[in-house]
Each structure stands twice: as structure tokens, then as C-alpha cells.
Protein backbone atom coordinates (compact mmCIF):
# COMPACT_ATOMS: atom_id res chain seq x y z
CA MET A 1 -10.54 6.07 -11.40
CA SER A 2 -7.08 5.25 -10.36
CA ALA A 3 -6.71 1.86 -9.32
CA ALA A 4 -4.04 0.85 -6.70
CA GLY A 5 -2.61 -2.73 -5.75
CA SER A 6 -0.24 -3.62 -2.70
CA THR A 7 3.06 -2.97 -3.87
CA PRO A 8 4.91 0.24 -3.29
CA LYS A 9 5.83 0.81 -6.60
CA ILE A 10 1.80 0.07 -7.76
CA LEU A 11 0.49 2.43 -4.95
CA SER A 12 2.82 5.46 -5.28
CA GLY A 13 1.63 6.48 -8.83
CA PRO A 14 -2.24 6.23 -8.25
CA PHE A 15 -1.99 7.82 -5.13
CA LYS A 16 0.34 10.53 -6.61
CA THR A 17 -2.15 10.95 -9.44
CA PHE A 18 -5.52 11.20 -7.37
CA HIS A 19 -3.89 14.02 -5.03
CA ALA A 20 -2.48 15.83 -7.92
CA ILE A 21 -5.95 15.87 -9.57
CA ASP A 22 -7.81 17.03 -6.35
CA ASP A 23 -5.06 19.79 -6.01
CA LEU A 24 -4.59 20.97 -9.35
CA SER A 25 -8.35 20.31 -11.06
CA ALA A 26 -10.62 20.98 -8.40
CA GLY A 27 -14.29 19.73 -9.33
CA THR A 28 -12.90 16.69 -11.79
CA VAL A 29 -14.35 13.56 -10.99
CA ASN A 30 -12.06 11.80 -9.04
CA THR A 31 -12.13 8.19 -7.45
CA LEU A 32 -9.42 6.15 -5.86
CA VAL A 33 -9.83 2.45 -5.74
CA VAL A 34 -7.50 0.33 -3.57
CA GLY A 35 -7.47 -3.66 -3.26
CA PRO A 36 -5.09 -5.92 -1.96
CA TRP A 37 -3.79 -6.85 -5.31
CA THR A 38 -0.26 -7.23 -7.23
CA HIS A 39 -0.42 -5.43 -10.72
CA GLY A 40 -3.35 -6.05 -12.77
CA GLY A 41 -4.09 -8.90 -10.04
CA TRP A 42 -7.93 -7.67 -10.13
CA SER A 43 -8.22 -8.90 -13.65
CA ILE A 44 -6.99 -12.14 -13.48
CA TRP A 45 -7.29 -13.89 -10.36
CA ASP A 46 -9.97 -13.97 -7.45
CA GLY A 47 -7.88 -11.76 -5.49
CA ASP A 48 -8.98 -13.91 -2.27
CA HIS A 49 -5.33 -14.23 -0.99
CA LEU A 50 -1.77 -12.96 -1.38
CA GLY A 51 0.95 -15.16 0.12
CA ASP A 52 -0.17 -16.54 3.23
CA VAL A 53 -2.70 -13.80 4.02
CA ASN A 54 -6.24 -14.77 3.51
CA PHE A 55 -8.56 -11.89 2.66
CA ASN A 56 -11.62 -14.25 3.04
CA SER A 57 -13.45 -12.12 0.41
CA LYS A 58 -12.87 -12.48 -3.26
CA THR A 59 -11.83 -8.89 -4.09
CA GLY A 60 -10.49 -9.46 -7.53
CA VAL A 61 -14.20 -10.53 -8.40
CA PHE A 62 -15.68 -7.77 -6.80
CA PHE A 63 -14.10 -5.16 -8.13
CA ARG A 64 -14.42 -6.33 -11.67
CA ALA A 65 -18.34 -6.79 -10.91
CA GLN A 66 -19.11 -4.02 -8.38
CA ILE A 67 -16.68 -1.55 -9.18
CA GLN A 68 -15.21 -1.85 -13.02
CA PHE A 69 -18.15 -2.79 -14.86
CA PRO A 70 -20.67 0.13 -13.32
CA PHE A 71 -18.03 2.46 -13.86
CA PHE A 72 -17.95 1.70 -17.66
CA GLU A 73 -21.64 1.21 -17.68
CA TYR A 74 -22.07 4.79 -16.47
CA TYR A 75 -19.56 6.57 -18.06
CA LEU A 76 -19.62 4.92 -21.68
CA LYS A 77 -23.25 4.05 -21.64
CA GLY A 78 -24.74 6.70 -19.34
CA LYS A 79 -26.64 4.08 -17.22
CA ASN A 80 -26.22 1.73 -13.88
CA GLY A 81 -26.29 4.24 -11.54
CA GLY A 82 -24.13 7.26 -10.28
CA PRO A 83 -20.90 7.68 -10.00
CA LEU A 84 -18.42 6.02 -7.49
CA PRO A 85 -17.57 7.48 -4.03
CA LYS A 86 -14.38 9.30 -3.91
CA ALA A 87 -12.66 6.46 -2.37
CA TYR A 88 -13.67 2.68 -2.29
CA VAL A 89 -11.17 0.88 -0.36
CA PHE A 90 -10.57 -2.45 0.84
CA GLU A 91 -9.77 -2.74 4.32
CA THR A 92 -7.52 -5.40 5.27
CA GLY A 93 -7.73 -6.97 8.65
CA SER A 94 -11.05 -6.64 8.95
CA ASN A 95 -11.48 -7.67 5.22
CA VAL A 96 -14.23 -5.79 3.97
CA TRP A 97 -14.64 -2.77 1.26
CA LYS A 98 -15.04 0.61 2.66
CA LYS A 99 -16.56 4.11 0.68
CA TYR A 100 -15.24 7.13 1.98
CA ASP A 101 -16.39 10.51 0.65
CA SER A 102 -12.66 11.85 1.11
CA TRP A 103 -9.36 10.43 1.15
CA PRO A 104 -7.79 10.27 3.82
CA PRO A 105 -11.03 10.24 5.76
CA LYS A 106 -11.87 13.38 7.09
CA ASN A 107 -12.54 11.62 10.71
CA ALA A 108 -9.28 9.96 11.01
CA ALA A 109 -6.94 11.60 13.84
CA ALA A 110 -3.41 11.76 13.26
CA LYS A 111 -1.73 9.97 16.05
CA THR A 112 1.93 8.54 16.68
CA LEU A 113 3.27 5.22 17.36
CA TYR A 114 6.36 6.32 19.81
CA PHE A 115 9.32 3.84 20.43
CA HIS A 116 10.05 3.41 23.94
CA ALA A 117 12.40 1.28 26.38
CA ASN A 118 12.48 -2.29 25.91
CA GLY A 119 11.12 -2.53 22.59
CA LYS A 120 7.78 -0.99 23.68
CA LEU A 121 5.27 0.68 21.14
CA ASN A 122 2.30 3.24 22.04
CA PHE A 123 0.71 6.07 21.32
CA ASP A 124 2.13 8.01 24.27
CA ALA A 125 5.12 10.47 23.79
CA PRO A 126 8.45 9.50 25.66
CA THR A 127 8.78 11.36 28.77
CA GLU A 128 12.40 9.89 29.43
CA LYS A 129 15.40 12.43 29.69
CA SER A 130 17.56 10.22 27.66
CA GLY A 131 16.92 7.04 25.80
CA ALA A 132 18.13 5.13 22.46
CA ASP A 133 18.62 1.76 20.56
CA GLU A 134 21.81 1.13 18.80
CA TYR A 135 22.69 -1.85 16.10
CA VAL A 136 25.49 -2.14 13.67
CA SER A 137 24.90 -2.19 10.22
CA ASP A 138 27.54 -4.05 7.57
CA PRO A 139 26.84 -3.73 4.08
CA ALA A 140 28.79 -7.08 3.93
CA HIS A 141 26.06 -8.73 5.70
CA PRO A 142 22.74 -6.90 4.65
CA VAL A 143 19.05 -7.79 5.95
CA PRO A 144 17.54 -9.45 3.14
CA PHE A 145 13.83 -8.45 2.24
CA VAL A 146 12.81 -12.32 2.18
CA ASP A 147 13.88 -15.30 4.17
CA TYR A 148 13.72 -17.88 1.19
CA THR A 149 15.47 -17.94 -2.29
CA THR A 150 14.37 -16.30 -5.12
CA ASP A 151 15.76 -15.19 -8.13
CA THR A 152 13.02 -12.46 -8.70
CA VAL A 153 11.05 -10.04 -6.70
CA PRO A 154 8.24 -12.31 -5.66
CA GLN A 155 4.56 -10.90 -5.69
CA ARG A 156 4.00 -11.77 -1.86
CA TYR A 157 6.99 -10.24 -0.42
CA MET A 158 4.51 -7.06 0.91
CA VAL A 159 2.57 -9.35 3.16
CA ASP A 160 5.26 -12.14 3.85
CA ASP A 161 6.39 -12.92 7.54
CA GLN A 162 9.07 -10.86 9.19
CA ARG A 163 10.22 -13.01 12.20
CA PHE A 164 13.04 -13.57 10.26
CA ALA A 165 14.23 -10.25 10.43
CA SER A 166 12.92 -9.46 14.35
CA ARG A 167 15.47 -11.90 15.48
CA ARG A 168 18.34 -10.05 13.73
CA PRO A 169 20.79 -7.97 15.82
CA ASP A 170 20.77 -5.31 13.06
CA VAL A 171 16.94 -4.85 13.40
CA VAL A 172 15.48 -3.01 15.91
CA VAL A 173 12.02 -3.78 16.83
CA TYR A 174 9.28 -1.91 19.14
CA GLU A 175 5.80 -3.61 19.57
CA THR A 176 2.65 -2.78 21.49
CA ASP A 177 0.80 -4.57 24.08
CA ILE A 178 -1.95 -7.45 22.85
CA LEU A 179 -4.42 -4.98 21.70
CA THR A 180 -7.91 -4.70 23.77
CA GLU A 181 -9.91 -3.34 20.86
CA ASP A 182 -9.43 -2.98 17.14
CA VAL A 183 -7.27 -0.26 15.50
CA THR A 184 -8.14 1.15 12.19
CA ILE A 185 -5.43 3.31 10.40
CA ALA A 186 -6.48 4.94 7.11
CA GLY A 187 -4.07 7.35 4.95
CA PRO A 188 -0.40 7.71 4.59
CA VAL A 189 2.18 6.09 7.31
CA ARG A 190 4.51 8.93 8.02
CA PRO A 191 8.12 7.73 9.85
CA LYS A 192 9.91 10.39 11.86
CA LEU A 193 12.48 9.09 13.17
CA LYS A 194 15.40 10.93 15.35
CA ILE A 195 19.14 9.14 14.73
CA ALA A 196 22.31 9.44 14.52
CA SER A 197 25.49 7.20 12.74
CA THR A 198 29.03 6.93 12.69
CA GLY A 199 28.59 6.97 9.10
CA THR A 200 28.15 9.92 6.83
CA ASP A 201 25.40 8.38 5.09
CA SER A 202 23.17 5.45 5.97
CA ASP A 203 19.69 3.89 4.97
CA PHE A 204 16.61 3.88 7.45
CA VAL A 205 14.11 1.31 6.24
CA VAL A 206 11.11 1.27 8.58
CA LYS A 207 8.35 -1.32 8.24
CA LEU A 208 4.74 -1.65 9.67
CA ILE A 209 3.61 -4.90 10.74
CA ASP A 210 0.87 -6.97 11.88
CA VAL A 211 1.69 -9.47 14.86
CA TYR A 212 -0.95 -12.13 14.94
CA PRO A 213 -2.02 -14.04 18.04
CA ASN A 214 0.08 -16.89 19.02
CA ASP A 215 -2.97 -19.12 18.74
CA TYR A 216 -3.94 -17.98 15.29
CA PRO A 217 -5.12 -21.05 13.26
CA ASN A 218 -3.14 -22.38 10.51
CA PRO A 219 -5.04 -22.57 7.07
CA ALA A 220 -6.83 -25.68 5.92
CA PRO A 221 -4.66 -28.32 4.41
CA ASP A 222 -6.29 -27.97 1.04
CA SER A 223 -6.49 -24.46 0.95
CA GLY A 224 -3.54 -23.84 -0.85
CA LEU A 225 -2.19 -21.18 1.80
CA GLY A 226 0.50 -21.38 4.01
CA LYS A 227 2.77 -23.36 1.53
CA ARG A 228 6.35 -21.70 1.16
CA VAL A 229 8.10 -21.67 -1.99
CA MET A 230 11.41 -23.70 -3.09
CA GLY A 231 10.08 -26.53 -1.15
CA ALA A 232 10.02 -24.97 2.67
CA PRO A 233 7.67 -26.48 5.08
CA PRO A 234 4.45 -25.09 5.66
CA ILE A 235 4.43 -21.78 8.00
CA LEU A 236 2.61 -21.60 11.04
CA MET A 237 0.57 -18.73 11.40
CA GLY A 238 0.41 -18.22 15.38
CA GLY A 239 2.47 -15.10 15.89
CA TYR A 240 2.73 -14.23 12.11
CA GLN A 241 4.36 -11.10 11.41
CA GLN A 242 2.66 -9.65 8.33
CA LEU A 243 4.59 -7.16 6.60
CA LEU A 244 2.09 -4.01 5.63
CA ARG A 245 4.05 -1.28 4.56
CA GLY A 246 8.10 -0.90 4.25
CA GLU A 247 9.62 2.25 2.88
CA PRO A 248 13.79 2.87 2.96
CA MET A 249 14.88 6.33 3.74
CA ARG A 250 18.48 7.34 2.20
CA ALA A 251 19.75 9.78 5.23
CA LYS A 252 21.83 12.13 2.61
CA PHE A 253 18.29 13.12 1.10
CA ARG A 254 16.84 13.89 4.37
CA ASP A 255 16.61 17.81 3.62
CA SER A 256 16.60 17.68 -0.09
CA TRP A 257 16.33 15.54 -3.06
CA GLU A 258 18.56 18.10 -5.32
CA LYS A 259 21.32 18.98 -2.85
CA PRO A 260 22.05 16.00 -0.70
CA THR A 261 24.00 16.40 2.29
CA PRO A 262 26.48 13.76 4.42
CA LEU A 263 25.79 13.09 8.05
CA VAL A 264 27.89 14.35 10.88
CA PRO A 265 28.91 11.36 12.64
CA GLY A 266 27.48 10.94 16.29
CA LYS A 267 25.47 14.15 15.53
CA LEU A 268 21.47 14.05 15.56
CA ALA A 269 19.49 14.09 12.62
CA ALA A 270 15.86 14.18 11.69
CA VAL A 271 14.91 11.63 9.15
CA ASN A 272 11.31 11.64 7.80
CA ALA A 273 9.54 9.84 5.03
CA GLU A 274 6.36 8.93 3.74
CA MET A 275 4.92 5.13 2.81
CA PRO A 276 2.29 4.79 0.65
CA ASP A 277 -1.21 4.91 1.96
CA VAL A 278 -2.80 2.10 3.83
CA ASN A 279 -6.19 0.99 5.18
CA HIS A 280 -5.85 -1.79 7.85
CA THR A 281 -7.32 -2.87 10.98
CA PHE A 282 -5.34 -4.31 13.50
CA ARG A 283 -7.76 -6.62 15.32
CA ALA A 284 -8.06 -7.28 19.33
CA GLY A 285 -5.59 -9.77 20.28
CA HIS A 286 -2.90 -8.59 17.61
CA ARG A 287 -0.02 -6.40 18.17
CA ILE A 288 1.37 -3.67 15.97
CA MET A 289 4.97 -3.66 15.29
CA VAL A 290 7.30 -1.29 13.88
CA GLN A 291 10.92 -2.76 12.51
CA VAL A 292 13.84 -0.38 11.83
CA GLN A 293 17.15 -1.35 9.87
CA SER A 294 19.77 -0.06 7.69
CA SER A 295 19.41 -2.48 4.88
CA TRP A 296 16.78 -4.41 2.57
CA PHE A 297 18.91 -6.41 0.30
CA PRO A 298 18.22 -6.55 -2.61
CA LEU A 299 15.21 -4.65 -3.05
CA VAL A 300 17.21 -1.51 -2.20
CA ASP A 301 20.56 -1.21 -3.12
CA ARG A 302 23.57 -1.53 -0.07
CA ASN A 303 24.31 2.03 1.28
CA PRO A 304 28.24 2.11 1.62
CA GLN A 305 27.35 4.25 4.72
CA THR A 306 29.73 6.93 3.32
CA PHE A 307 29.05 9.83 1.51
CA VAL A 308 29.79 8.51 -1.82
CA ASP A 309 27.94 8.33 -5.42
CA ILE A 310 26.94 4.95 -4.59
CA PRO A 311 26.92 3.55 -8.05
CA LEU A 312 30.68 4.33 -8.40
CA ALA A 313 31.63 3.39 -5.02
CA LYS A 314 34.65 1.27 -4.27
CA PRO A 315 34.79 -1.89 -1.93
CA GLU A 316 36.78 -0.08 0.81
CA GLN A 317 34.11 2.43 0.89
CA PHE A 318 31.38 0.34 2.26
CA VAL A 319 31.77 0.34 6.11
CA LYS A 320 30.11 -1.20 9.18
CA ALA A 321 28.29 1.80 10.97
CA THR A 322 26.80 2.18 14.34
CA GLU A 323 23.14 3.50 14.15
CA THR A 324 21.49 5.09 17.07
CA ILE A 325 17.75 5.36 17.03
CA TYR A 326 16.61 8.26 19.91
CA ARG A 327 13.71 7.38 21.63
CA ASN A 328 13.16 10.29 24.41
CA ALA A 329 11.41 13.30 25.50
CA ASP A 330 13.50 15.75 23.70
CA ALA A 331 14.19 13.41 20.76
CA ALA A 332 11.32 11.19 19.95
CA SER A 333 10.94 8.81 17.20
CA GLY A 334 8.17 6.95 16.04
CA VAL A 335 5.30 6.71 12.94
CA GLU A 336 2.71 8.93 12.34
CA VAL A 337 -0.83 7.40 11.08
CA LEU A 338 -4.12 8.18 10.84
CA VAL A 339 -6.51 6.50 13.06
CA LEU A 340 -10.52 5.99 12.47
CA PRO A 341 -12.74 5.86 15.63
CA GLN A 342 -13.91 2.47 15.92
CA PRO A 343 -18.14 2.45 15.37
């Protein structure tokens, strides 16, 4: 049984282990459990929230009582029912536990959230003959990964509000219209970008975000939610931009991890990646957002935006670069997700 939490470093290992067992040892009992936790969080806290996000469920208590204890009872003592399902996953957004007989679920359909003009995002492929968005990435002024002062990587960062980033000129934002029905995604998230750069290397950080309605209620004052770190005032949940997944893609490795290659300034290139899996419902009344940027500091080291051995880069090799994200019929950019049918 592999149990995964919420942060990429925690998610990556269990998912890779789970899929490797299925691929290399077919028939071996293999179960994936995913909950909204930090590392080891299922064992030390109730799991009812992370940062500002309320799960309306004591997920840690549920895991210990309904999943972990029966698992040991069954495999160590031979009692208490049968084995677990193939995947036992807490679906955020709807905040319910789901059981699946395969992972990703067999009935999940691949769709792409395409980028469009005027910051639009939807499942329709672009038809325009031309179209692109540009921003200037400056390593001297990188996009931070949180908007508050911290001397560590706070556990809450993977659900933190991204409104501070969406207001920056070096972050491009794409957003759906207000959803008229729930949209549930389950499985890996695959950014597929068509880009160009004035540099010979650049990072492209893609973030998948759930945007709350403007009238979303604030938590009760005695709930402990909505209180920011370092004495900052409570956050307003109306319009909250909840980070679901974020992943950096270093362009030099777009074709090979073993043989990095430079970008040709001004030439179109494909930069693809795969984020850790997710099971999330964007509720009716919410929006789906994707942000693209070229730094995420200091969570990701700064890319000089020149093709060099980054740990040995000299100060003068850190340069500004104009990044272009294409969004037209011949060069479409977007994020591929697996969408579950609604009941």
C-alpha cells in the first residue's frame, strides 16, 4: 500500500512505485491511497484542513480507522474483511473519499484545457491562425512561491492563495468562465506548451488553480482557518485562488534528461511535462485557472536563461528573457487532464 500526501516530493514516489509495481509485477496486490496531507500528516493530526483550505472531514482520523487499521488487521492477522480497493482517494473540492478499481479511473476521458486570447481557458482547441502571449522574466526579480515572509518551506504552500502571482506582469493567466456544473479531474496533469524565448534556456512553471466564487464565505472566527503567518491579517476567501498542482519545466531538458540542449532564440519549441496526479472537483460557480511563469523562487533555483551549468553560472550570465506562449491552431498550448463523467 502506497500512501501519498499533498506536496510534489511526497506524491512523486508513491505514484511511481504504484505504477512500477503494476508494470513490472502484474498480479501483485497493489493499492494506492491518496489524502490531503503533508508528510506523515495522516498519523499526527486530524487532517481537516491545510492552510486556508477546509476539507470538512477529518481525513487523518478516517485513514487511520478505516484504511490503515483494517489493512494491518487483514494482512497481519487475516481478519476484518478483504483487501483494499485498487485506489482509495480523497477527492478535494467535493471533499469525499472515492474508491476506484483502477488508477487513473478507466472512465476518465483525456481532455485539454487550451489557452486562448484575452486570458480565456476552455476545452476547445484554438482556431486562430496566430496568437501568443509574452512576458519578461528577470532572474533578478523572480516570482516568489509564497507572498509572506518565511525561512522555510511552509507545509501549506501547496494550497496557498495565488492572487499575488496573478497580479504580476511576469505571470500569464488563463481562466475559464464560471463553471455551470462540476468538473472532476482524476489522474496525471500534463502541461503541453509551445514556447519561444529570447534566451537559450528558461524555466516554465505551470500551476493548476481552483478559483473560488467572489461571495465564498470566510471561515468562522473560532475555526483557526484563514489566519496568515507572521502576523498578517486574515485572508478573504472570496476569489481565493487555491493552488492544486505546480511543476517547473526546465527547457534545456525538453527532449532528454541525459542530453540537455539549448533553446534557439526566437524559435518555437515544445516543452511538455507531467505533474503529480490529482483527484479534484471544481465545483459549479468556481473557475479553473492556469498560471504560467518562468521562476518560482526559492522553491526552484533561478534559471540564468542562458545555456550554462547553472551551479557554476556567473552573475553576468543571469539575463532577462522575453518568453512567448503560443496559443493558435498550429501551435496550441494547454494542460491535458483526465475528466470524470458527472453522475
